Protein backbone atom coordinates (compact mmCIF):
# COMPACT_ATOMS: atom_id res chain seq x y z
CA MET A 1 -0.01 -0.03 0.00
CA SER A 2 1.52 3.54 -0.92
CA THR A 3 1.77 6.24 1.45
CA SER A 4 -0.93 8.39 -0.31
CA THR A 5 -3.50 5.63 0.01
CA THR A 6 -2.69 5.23 3.80
CA SER A 7 -3.17 8.91 4.19
CA LYS A 8 -6.39 9.25 2.62
CA VAL A 9 -7.67 6.34 4.59
CA ASN A 10 -6.72 7.99 7.97
CA LYS A 11 -8.39 11.46 6.51
CA SER A 12 -11.62 9.80 5.90
CA ARG A 13 -11.75 8.12 9.28
CA ASP A 14 -10.57 10.84 11.55
CA GLY A 15 -11.94 13.70 9.48
CA VAL A 16 -10.00 16.81 8.39
CA LEU A 17 -9.14 18.24 11.73
CA GLY A 18 -8.10 15.00 13.26
CA PRO A 19 -10.12 12.67 15.88
CA ARG A 20 -12.82 14.18 17.89
CA SER A 21 -12.45 14.83 21.24
CA ASN A 22 -14.50 13.59 24.05
CA GLY A 23 -15.55 16.98 25.11
CA PHE A 24 -17.07 17.51 21.69
CA ASN A 25 -18.76 14.25 21.74
CA MET A 26 -20.21 15.02 24.92
CA ALA A 27 -21.45 18.53 23.54
CA ILE A 28 -22.89 17.06 20.55
CA ILE A 29 -24.53 14.32 22.90
CA TYR A 30 -26.14 17.04 25.15
CA GLY A 31 -27.71 18.61 22.03
CA LEU A 32 -29.07 15.50 20.87
CA LEU A 33 -30.77 14.77 24.19
CA PHE A 34 -31.58 18.12 25.18
CA VAL A 35 -33.50 19.20 21.96
CA PRO A 36 -36.08 16.32 21.98
CA LEU A 37 -36.78 16.64 25.55
CA MET A 38 -37.55 20.03 25.12
CA VAL A 39 -39.83 19.38 22.29
CA VAL A 40 -41.72 16.62 24.22
CA MET A 41 -42.11 19.04 27.19
CA ASP A 42 -43.56 21.60 24.91
CA LYS A 43 -41.11 24.04 26.19
CA GLU A 44 -39.15 26.86 24.30
CA ILE A 45 -35.55 25.99 22.95
CA THR A 46 -32.98 29.21 22.93
CA VAL A 47 -29.62 29.30 21.91
CA ASP A 48 -28.30 30.05 25.48
CA SER A 49 -30.08 26.92 26.93
CA LEU A 50 -28.50 24.89 24.34
CA GLY A 51 -25.08 26.50 23.63
CA ILE A 52 -23.90 27.47 27.10
CA PRO A 53 -24.19 24.14 28.92
CA ALA A 54 -22.76 22.46 25.79
CA LEU A 55 -19.76 24.73 25.95
CA LEU A 56 -19.43 24.22 29.55
CA LEU A 57 -19.63 20.46 29.34
CA PHE A 58 -16.93 20.70 26.43
CA LEU A 59 -14.77 22.85 28.40
CA LEU A 60 -14.98 20.62 31.63
CA VAL A 61 -14.53 17.18 29.96
CA ASN A 62 -11.56 18.72 28.07
CA GLY A 63 -10.11 20.01 31.17
CA ILE A 64 -10.54 16.79 33.02
CA GLU A 65 -8.94 14.73 30.33
CA LEU A 66 -5.96 17.00 30.04
CA PHE A 67 -5.65 16.67 33.84
CA ILE A 68 -5.83 13.08 33.84
CA ALA A 69 -4.63 11.57 30.51
CA LYS A 70 -2.11 14.14 29.28
CA VAL A 71 -0.23 15.09 32.51
CA ARG A 72 0.07 11.28 33.13
CA ASN A 73 0.95 10.36 29.49
CA LYS A 74 -1.67 7.84 29.49
CA ALA A 75 -4.96 7.01 27.61
CA VAL A 76 -8.02 8.32 28.58
CA PRO A 77 -9.70 5.77 31.08
CA GLN A 78 -13.13 4.09 30.50
CA TRP A 79 -14.41 5.26 33.61
CA MET A 80 -13.99 9.05 32.52
CA ILE A 81 -15.96 8.36 29.20
CA VAL A 82 -18.70 6.90 31.06
CA GLY A 83 -18.75 9.40 33.87
CA SER A 84 -18.82 12.33 31.35
CA PHE A 85 -21.72 10.59 29.59
CA VAL A 86 -23.68 10.33 32.78
CA VAL A 87 -22.95 14.20 33.68
CA THR A 88 -24.22 14.98 30.11
CA VAL A 89 -27.31 12.95 30.47
CA LEU A 90 -27.96 14.42 33.81
CA THR A 91 -27.27 18.03 32.53
CA ALA A 92 -29.54 17.51 29.68
CA VAL A 93 -32.58 16.08 31.79
CA SER A 94 -31.99 18.82 34.60
CA MET A 95 -31.88 21.70 32.04
CA ALA A 96 -35.10 20.33 30.53
CA VAL A 97 -36.91 20.20 33.99
CA VAL A 98 -35.61 23.52 35.30
CA LEU A 99 -36.35 25.60 32.26
CA HIS A 100 -39.92 26.93 32.01
């Protein structure tokens, strides 16, 4: 296999900007959970209620990931990924319930 073929395979799998971070994934998951919950509860969806918590989740998960994985030169542990998913789900549900 030539080097040009290898680089094309890696770019198509990881995307143009490289692999997605766990923080980005959690921000997307928050949006995917929050919007249907707000539609089902017949409440108003605003940019602030969608964007600010997603940004805070992104910063929180990336900050913890930087502290745990990058400082210790280790891979991201599975408990951190599962824990950040649980925090994301709880944030989406609590934001949908609290907003009126």
